[in-house]
Amino acid sequence: MKTPRDLSGARLAACLCNRWGYREVHQEGSHIILETSDPAFQRIAVPAHQALRVGTLSAILRAVSRHKGVTRQVIIDSL
């Protein structure tokens, strides 16, 4: 379960929108705000950086996987 090291925030946000039911609400500074209401409401902030830090990416993946009820590896494979 290796976390990608060169993933940009914009690419992660696009993947979450296209494959996981999130939608971009707005952008505040360098953070893209995404939300979903499937299966319940959740709002997350994704930094719009060239390469996300491993800890930041891991925290976002953990939040999405808990909310959607899938493993982190399933989300990583969809990137």
N, C-alpha and C. Protein backbone atom coordinates (compact mmCIF):
# COMPACT_ATOMS: atom_id res chain seq x y z
N MET A 1 0.85 -1.18 0.00
CA MET A 1 0.00 0.00 0.00
C MET A 1 0.89 1.24 0.00
N LYS A 2 1.58 1.46 -1.10
CA LYS A 2 2.49 2.60 -1.20
C LYS A 2 1.72 3.84 -1.64
N THR A 3 1.89 4.91 -0.91
CA THR A 3 1.24 6.17 -1.23
C THR A 3 2.01 6.87 -2.34
N PRO A 4 1.32 7.39 -3.36
CA PRO A 4 2.01 8.09 -4.45
C PRO A 4 2.77 9.31 -3.93
N ARG A 5 3.93 9.57 -4.51
CA ARG A 5 4.77 10.68 -4.05
C ARG A 5 4.66 11.92 -4.93
N ASP A 6 4.11 11.79 -6.13
CA ASP A 6 4.11 12.91 -7.07
C ASP A 6 2.70 13.35 -7.48
N LEU A 7 1.74 13.13 -6.63
CA LEU A 7 0.35 13.45 -6.94
C LEU A 7 0.06 14.91 -6.63
N SER A 8 -0.51 15.62 -7.59
CA SER A 8 -0.85 17.02 -7.36
C SER A 8 -2.24 17.12 -6.73
N GLY A 9 -2.48 18.24 -6.08
CA GLY A 9 -3.78 18.46 -5.45
C GLY A 9 -4.91 18.55 -6.46
N ALA A 10 -4.63 19.18 -7.61
CA ALA A 10 -5.66 19.31 -8.65
C ALA A 10 -6.03 17.94 -9.21
N ARG A 11 -5.04 17.06 -9.38
CA ARG A 11 -5.32 15.72 -9.90
C ARG A 11 -6.13 14.89 -8.90
N LEU A 12 -5.78 15.02 -7.61
CA LEU A 12 -6.53 14.31 -6.58
C LEU A 12 -7.97 14.80 -6.53
N ALA A 13 -8.16 16.12 -6.58
CA ALA A 13 -9.51 16.68 -6.55
C ALA A 13 -10.32 16.22 -7.76
N ALA A 14 -9.69 16.19 -8.93
CA ALA A 14 -10.39 15.74 -10.14
C ALA A 14 -10.81 14.27 -10.02
N CYS A 15 -9.93 13.45 -9.48
CA CYS A 15 -10.25 12.03 -9.30
C CYS A 15 -11.40 11.86 -8.31
N LEU A 16 -11.36 12.58 -7.21
CA LEU A 16 -12.44 12.47 -6.22
C LEU A 16 -13.77 12.94 -6.81
N CYS A 17 -13.73 13.94 -7.66
CA CYS A 17 -14.97 14.42 -8.29
C CYS A 17 -15.48 13.43 -9.33
N ASN A 18 -14.60 12.91 -10.16
CA ASN A 18 -15.03 12.04 -11.26
C ASN A 18 -15.42 10.64 -10.81
N ARG A 19 -14.72 10.09 -9.82
CA ARG A 19 -14.93 8.68 -9.49
C ARG A 19 -15.56 8.43 -8.12
N TRP A 20 -15.56 9.41 -7.24
CA TRP A 20 -16.02 9.14 -5.88
C TRP A 20 -17.19 10.02 -5.44
N GLY A 21 -17.81 10.76 -6.35
CA GLY A 21 -19.04 11.47 -6.04
C GLY A 21 -18.87 12.80 -5.32
N TYR A 22 -17.67 13.34 -5.31
CA TYR A 22 -17.45 14.66 -4.71
C TYR A 22 -17.69 15.72 -5.78
N ARG A 23 -17.95 16.93 -5.34
CA ARG A 23 -18.05 18.06 -6.27
C ARG A 23 -17.28 19.23 -5.69
N GLU A 24 -16.70 20.01 -6.59
CA GLU A 24 -15.93 21.18 -6.15
C GLU A 24 -16.90 22.30 -5.81
N VAL A 25 -16.80 22.79 -4.58
CA VAL A 25 -17.70 23.84 -4.13
C VAL A 25 -17.10 25.20 -4.45
N HIS A 26 -15.86 25.40 -4.02
CA HIS A 26 -15.15 26.64 -4.31
C HIS A 26 -13.68 26.46 -3.95
N GLN A 27 -12.92 27.51 -4.15
CA GLN A 27 -11.51 27.47 -3.80
C GLN A 27 -11.21 28.66 -2.91
N GLU A 28 -10.56 28.37 -1.78
CA GLU A 28 -10.15 29.42 -0.85
C GLU A 28 -8.63 29.47 -0.84
N GLY A 29 -8.06 30.48 -1.46
CA GLY A 29 -6.61 30.56 -1.54
C GLY A 29 -6.07 29.39 -2.32
N SER A 30 -5.22 28.59 -1.68
CA SER A 30 -4.63 27.44 -2.37
C SER A 30 -5.31 26.13 -1.98
N HIS A 31 -6.53 26.18 -1.48
CA HIS A 31 -7.24 24.96 -1.09
C HIS A 31 -8.53 24.81 -1.89
N ILE A 32 -8.70 23.63 -2.47
CA ILE A 32 -9.91 23.30 -3.21
C ILE A 32 -10.86 22.63 -2.23
N ILE A 33 -12.06 23.17 -2.10
CA ILE A 33 -13.04 22.64 -1.17
C ILE A 33 -13.99 21.71 -1.93
N LEU A 34 -14.05 20.46 -1.47
CA LEU A 34 -14.91 19.46 -2.09
C LEU A 34 -15.95 19.01 -1.08
N GLU A 35 -17.12 18.63 -1.59
CA GLU A 35 -18.12 18.07 -0.69
C GLU A 35 -18.91 16.98 -1.40
N THR A 36 -19.51 16.11 -0.59
CA THR A 36 -20.36 15.05 -1.08
C THR A 36 -21.51 14.85 -0.10
N SER A 37 -22.57 14.27 -0.58
CA SER A 37 -23.66 13.92 0.33
C SER A 37 -24.01 12.45 0.21
N ASP A 38 -23.09 11.68 -0.34
CA ASP A 38 -23.30 10.24 -0.49
C ASP A 38 -22.22 9.50 0.28
N PRO A 39 -22.45 8.75 1.27
CA PRO A 39 -23.70 8.37 1.90
C PRO A 39 -24.20 9.41 2.90
N ALA A 40 -23.36 10.33 3.35
CA ALA A 40 -23.76 11.42 4.23
C ALA A 40 -22.93 12.64 3.84
N PHE A 41 -23.23 13.78 4.43
CA PHE A 41 -22.50 14.99 4.08
C PHE A 41 -21.07 14.93 4.59
N GLN A 42 -20.14 15.32 3.73
CA GLN A 42 -18.75 15.47 4.11
C GLN A 42 -18.13 16.58 3.27
N ARG A 43 -17.31 17.39 3.90
CA ARG A 43 -16.58 18.45 3.21
C ARG A 43 -15.11 18.28 3.54
N ILE A 44 -14.26 18.32 2.50
CA ILE A 44 -12.82 18.20 2.70
C ILE A 44 -12.12 19.30 1.91
N ALA A 45 -10.95 19.65 2.38
CA ALA A 45 -10.10 20.64 1.70
C ALA A 45 -8.88 19.92 1.14
N VAL A 46 -8.61 20.17 -0.14
CA VAL A 46 -7.45 19.59 -0.81
C VAL A 46 -6.53 20.73 -1.21
N PRO A 47 -5.28 20.75 -0.72
CA PRO A 47 -4.36 21.80 -1.14
C PRO A 47 -4.06 21.70 -2.63
N ALA A 48 -4.10 22.81 -3.33
CA ALA A 48 -3.86 22.83 -4.77
C ALA A 48 -2.36 23.01 -5.03
N HIS A 49 -1.56 22.11 -4.49
CA HIS A 49 -0.11 22.18 -4.64
C HIS A 49 0.33 21.25 -5.76
N GLN A 50 1.55 21.48 -6.27
CA GLN A 50 2.09 20.64 -7.33
C GLN A 50 2.23 19.21 -6.87
N ALA A 51 2.85 18.99 -5.73
CA ALA A 51 3.00 17.64 -5.18
C ALA A 51 2.56 17.69 -3.72
N LEU A 52 1.57 16.89 -3.39
CA LEU A 52 1.07 16.87 -2.01
C LEU A 52 2.08 16.16 -1.11
N ARG A 53 2.19 16.63 0.11
CA ARG A 53 3.03 15.95 1.08
C ARG A 53 2.40 14.62 1.43
N VAL A 54 3.24 13.66 1.78
CA VAL A 54 2.76 12.31 2.04
C VAL A 54 1.76 12.29 3.19
N GLY A 55 2.01 13.02 4.26
CA GLY A 55 1.11 13.05 5.40
C GLY A 55 -0.23 13.69 5.07
N THR A 56 -0.20 14.74 4.27
CA THR A 56 -1.44 15.41 3.86
C THR A 56 -2.27 14.49 2.99
N LEU A 57 -1.63 13.86 2.02
CA LEU A 57 -2.33 12.92 1.14
C LEU A 57 -2.89 11.75 1.94
N SER A 58 -2.12 11.24 2.86
CA SER A 58 -2.57 10.12 3.69
C SER A 58 -3.80 10.50 4.51
N ALA A 59 -3.82 11.70 5.06
CA ALA A 59 -4.97 12.14 5.86
C ALA A 59 -6.22 12.29 4.99
N ILE A 60 -6.07 12.81 3.78
CA ILE A 60 -7.21 12.95 2.88
C ILE A 60 -7.74 11.58 2.48
N LEU A 61 -6.82 10.67 2.13
CA LEU A 61 -7.23 9.32 1.74
C LEU A 61 -7.93 8.60 2.89
N ARG A 62 -7.43 8.79 4.11
CA ARG A 62 -8.04 8.16 5.28
C ARG A 62 -9.46 8.68 5.48
N ALA A 63 -9.66 10.00 5.35
CA ALA A 63 -10.99 10.58 5.54
C ALA A 63 -11.97 10.09 4.48
N VAL A 64 -11.52 10.05 3.23
CA VAL A 64 -12.39 9.60 2.14
C VAL A 64 -12.72 8.12 2.29
N SER A 65 -11.72 7.30 2.63
CA SER A 65 -11.97 5.86 2.74
C SER A 65 -12.92 5.54 3.89
N ARG A 66 -12.79 6.24 5.00
CA ARG A 66 -13.73 6.02 6.12
C ARG A 66 -15.14 6.41 5.72
N HIS A 67 -15.25 7.55 5.04
CA HIS A 67 -16.56 8.06 4.66
C HIS A 67 -17.25 7.17 3.64
N LYS A 68 -16.49 6.69 2.66
CA LYS A 68 -17.07 5.87 1.59
C LYS A 68 -17.13 4.39 1.93
N GLY A 69 -16.45 3.97 3.00
CA GLY A 69 -16.50 2.57 3.42
C GLY A 69 -15.67 1.64 2.55
N VAL A 70 -14.57 2.16 2.02
CA VAL A 70 -13.64 1.34 1.22
C VAL A 70 -12.25 1.48 1.82
N THR A 71 -11.33 0.65 1.34
CA THR A 71 -9.96 0.74 1.84
C THR A 71 -9.22 1.86 1.11
N ARG A 72 -8.14 2.31 1.72
CA ARG A 72 -7.30 3.34 1.09
C ARG A 72 -6.74 2.85 -0.24
N GLN A 73 -6.43 1.56 -0.31
CA GLN A 73 -5.83 1.00 -1.52
C GLN A 73 -6.79 1.11 -2.71
N VAL A 74 -8.07 0.96 -2.49
CA VAL A 74 -9.05 1.09 -3.58
C VAL A 74 -9.02 2.50 -4.14
N ILE A 75 -8.90 3.48 -3.27
CA ILE A 75 -8.84 4.87 -3.72
C ILE A 75 -7.52 5.14 -4.44
N ILE A 76 -6.42 4.63 -3.90
CA ILE A 76 -5.12 4.82 -4.54
C ILE A 76 -5.12 4.18 -5.92
N ASP A 77 -5.72 3.02 -6.06
CA ASP A 77 -5.77 2.35 -7.36
C ASP A 77 -6.60 3.13 -8.37
N SER A 78 -7.55 3.92 -7.91
CA SER A 78 -8.39 4.69 -8.83
C SER A 78 -7.73 5.99 -9.30
N LEU A 79 -6.58 6.31 -8.70
CA LEU A 79 -5.87 7.52 -9.10
C LEU A 79 -5.19 7.26 -10.42
